[in-house]
Amino acid sequence: MRFVVHCIDHKDGLPKRLANYDAHKAYLGAPGAVSTVISGPLVADDGETMIGSMFVFEAEKKQDVVDFNANDPFSKANVWAEVRIHPFLMRVDNRA
């Protein structure tokens, strides 16, 4: 099953985000019960300033994603003010 995770940073989250960026990237690539399909930062309207994160994960159950997200270095550093996790049924994939 795929899950979409949508995270919005705290207003002062950018320094914490940058300080934990390498650990976060390594965490996303580690093997385990959750695998990263796609991920990347959400940005402000300027197209550059990072304000959050978006992930599509593959996992057996939602709780696996909840636990994985809670152990992410960004989560442990309190980068995110809001996290939403939803099951996702992909209907269209135009990546060829």
C-alpha atoms as a PDB file:
ATOM      1  CA  MET A   1       0.000   0.000   0.000  1.00  0.00           C
ATOM      2  CA  ARG A   2       1.164   3.533  -0.683  1.00  0.00           C
ATOM      3  CA  PHE A   3       0.834   6.429   1.735  1.00  0.00           C
ATOM      4  CA  VAL A   4       1.219  10.167   1.250  1.00  0.00           C
ATOM      5  CA  VAL A   5       2.820  12.113   4.096  1.00  0.00           C
ATOM      6  CA  HIS A   6       2.416  15.904   4.030  1.00  0.00           C
ATOM      7  CA  CYS A   7       4.434  17.889   6.578  1.00  0.00           C
ATOM      8  CA  ILE A   8       4.507  21.634   7.242  1.00  0.00           C
ATOM      9  CA  ASP A   9       7.490  23.092   9.090  1.00  0.00           C
ATOM     10  CA  HIS A  10       7.349  25.294  12.153  1.00  0.00           C
ATOM     11  CA  LYS A  11       7.849  28.919  11.149  1.00  0.00           C
ATOM     12  CA  ASP A  12      11.387  28.759  12.573  1.00  0.00           C
ATOM     13  CA  GLY A  13      12.061  25.254  11.219  1.00  0.00           C
ATOM     14  CA  LEU A  14      14.548  26.024   8.436  1.00  0.00           C
ATOM     15  CA  PRO A  15      17.727  26.084  10.599  1.00  0.00           C
ATOM     16  CA  LYS A  16      16.702  22.772  12.223  1.00  0.00           C
ATOM     17  CA  ARG A  17      15.863  21.342   8.788  1.00  0.00           C
ATOM     18  CA  LEU A  18      19.278  22.260   7.407  1.00  0.00           C
ATOM     19  CA  ALA A  19      21.115  20.966  10.499  1.00  0.00           C
ATOM     20  CA  ASN A  20      19.421  17.545  10.175  1.00  0.00           C
ATOM     21  CA  TYR A  21      19.261  17.276   6.384  1.00  0.00           C
ATOM     22  CA  ASP A  22      21.995  14.652   5.880  1.00  0.00           C
ATOM     23  CA  ALA A  23      20.641  12.412   8.660  1.00  0.00           C
ATOM     24  CA  HIS A  24      17.126  12.767   7.223  1.00  0.00           C
ATOM     25  CA  LYS A  25      18.254  11.750   3.711  1.00  0.00           C
ATOM     26  CA  ALA A  26      20.145   8.749   5.074  1.00  0.00           C
ATOM     27  CA  TYR A  27      17.116   7.707   7.133  1.00  0.00           C
ATOM     28  CA  LEU A  28      14.837   7.789   4.069  1.00  0.00           C
ATOM     29  CA  GLY A  29      17.192   5.462   2.194  1.00  0.00           C
ATOM     30  CA  ALA A  30      17.625   2.877   4.946  1.00  0.00           C
ATOM     31  CA  PRO A  31      16.016  -0.531   4.374  1.00  0.00           C
ATOM     32  CA  GLY A  32      13.064  -1.454   6.575  1.00  0.00           C
ATOM     33  CA  ALA A  33       9.306  -1.885   6.785  1.00  0.00           C
ATOM     34  CA  VAL A  34       8.775   1.410   4.939  1.00  0.00           C
ATOM     35  CA  SER A  35      10.295   2.265   1.576  1.00  0.00           C
ATOM     36  CA  THR A  36      10.458   5.717   0.048  1.00  0.00           C
ATOM     37  CA  VAL A  37       8.859   5.933  -3.407  1.00  0.00           C
ATOM     38  CA  ILE A  38       9.318   9.689  -3.887  1.00  0.00           C
ATOM     39  CA  SER A  39      10.123  12.557  -1.556  1.00  0.00           C
ATOM     40  CA  GLY A  40      11.107  16.184  -1.534  1.00  0.00           C
ATOM     41  CA  PRO A  41      10.713  19.519   0.172  1.00  0.00           C
ATOM     42  CA  LEU A  42       7.644  21.682  -0.118  1.00  0.00           C
ATOM     43  CA  VAL A  43       8.629  25.235  -1.003  1.00  0.00           C
ATOM     44  CA  ALA A  44       7.127  28.687  -0.566  1.00  0.00           C
ATOM     45  CA  ASP A  45       5.720  30.637  -3.498  1.00  0.00           C
ATOM     46  CA  ASP A  46       9.241  31.911  -4.233  1.00  0.00           C
ATOM     47  CA  GLY A  47      10.015  28.376  -5.451  1.00  0.00           C
ATOM     48  CA  GLU A  48      13.081  28.097  -3.217  1.00  0.00           C
ATOM     49  CA  THR A  49      12.396  28.508   0.502  1.00  0.00           C
ATOM     50  CA  MET A  50      11.741  25.092   2.070  1.00  0.00           C
ATOM     51  CA  ILE A  51       8.590  25.077   4.210  1.00  0.00           C
ATOM     52  CA  GLY A  52       7.769  21.398   4.562  1.00  0.00           C
ATOM     53  CA  SER A  53       8.110  17.883   3.197  1.00  0.00           C
ATOM     54  CA  MET A  54       6.098  15.522   1.014  1.00  0.00           C
ATOM     55  CA  PHE A  55       6.617  11.782   0.774  1.00  0.00           C
ATOM     56  CA  VAL A  56       5.054   8.810  -0.921  1.00  0.00           C
ATOM     57  CA  PHE A  57       5.935   5.687   1.043  1.00  0.00           C
ATOM     58  CA  GLU A  58       5.199   2.041   0.475  1.00  0.00           C
ATOM     59  CA  ALA A  59       4.345  -0.056   3.548  1.00  0.00           C
ATOM     60  CA  GLU A  60       2.137  -2.889   4.725  1.00  0.00           C
ATOM     61  CA  LYS A  61       0.113  -0.754   7.116  1.00  0.00           C
ATOM     62  CA  LYS A  62      -0.380   2.874   8.128  1.00  0.00           C
ATOM     63  CA  GLN A  63       1.078   2.326  11.603  1.00  0.00           C
ATOM     64  CA  ASP A  64       4.403   1.405   9.990  1.00  0.00           C
ATOM     65  CA  VAL A  65       4.426   4.818   8.289  1.00  0.00           C
ATOM     66  CA  VAL A  66       3.365   6.611  11.485  1.00  0.00           C
ATOM     67  CA  ASP A  67       6.222   4.948  13.377  1.00  0.00           C
ATOM     68  CA  PHE A  68       8.719   5.578  10.570  1.00  0.00           C
ATOM     69  CA  ASN A  69       7.767   9.240  10.398  1.00  0.00           C
ATOM     70  CA  ALA A  70       8.027   9.638  14.182  1.00  0.00           C
ATOM     71  CA  ASN A  71      11.614   8.358  14.060  1.00  0.00           C
ATOM     72  CA  ASP A  72      12.679  10.590  11.161  1.00  0.00           C
ATOM     73  CA  PRO A  73      15.487  12.968  12.218  1.00  0.00           C
ATOM     74  CA  PHE A  74      13.296  15.913  11.147  1.00  0.00           C
ATOM     75  CA  SER A  75      10.546  14.719  13.468  1.00  0.00           C
ATOM     76  CA  LYS A  76      12.966  14.178  16.347  1.00  0.00           C
ATOM     77  CA  ALA A  77      14.396  17.686  15.795  1.00  0.00           C
ATOM     78  CA  ASN A  78      10.859  19.149  15.864  1.00  0.00           C
ATOM     79  CA  VAL A  79      11.100  20.579  12.334  1.00  0.00           C
ATOM     80  CA  TRP A  80       7.467  19.823  11.495  1.00  0.00           C
ATOM     81  CA  ALA A  81       4.522  21.650  13.057  1.00  0.00           C
ATOM     82  CA  GLU A  82       1.937  19.539  11.225  1.00  0.00           C
ATOM     83  CA  VAL A  83       2.018  16.020   9.771  1.00  0.00           C
ATOM     84  CA  ARG A  84      -0.760  14.338   7.825  1.00  0.00           C
ATOM     85  CA  ILE A  85      -0.612  10.718   6.679  1.00  0.00           C
ATOM     86  CA  HIS A  86      -3.123   9.263   4.224  1.00  0.00           C
ATOM     87  CA  PRO A  87      -3.412   6.006   2.284  1.00  0.00           C
ATOM     88  CA  PHE A  88      -2.982   6.673  -1.432  1.00  0.00           C
ATOM     89  CA  LEU A  89      -4.386   4.788  -4.408  1.00  0.00           C
ATOM     90  CA  MET A  90      -2.322   5.756  -7.429  1.00  0.00           C
ATOM     91  CA  ARG A  91      -4.508   5.954 -10.527  1.00  0.00           C
ATOM     92  CA  VAL A  92      -2.226   7.764 -12.961  1.00  0.00           C
ATOM     93  CA  ASP A  93       1.552   7.664 -13.276  1.00  0.00           C
ATOM     94  CA  ASN A  94       2.853   9.596 -16.284  1.00  0.00           C
ATOM     95  CA  ARG A  95       6.507   8.956 -15.482  1.00  0.00           C
ATOM     96  CA  ALA A  96       7.770   6.828 -18.332  1.00  0.00           C
END
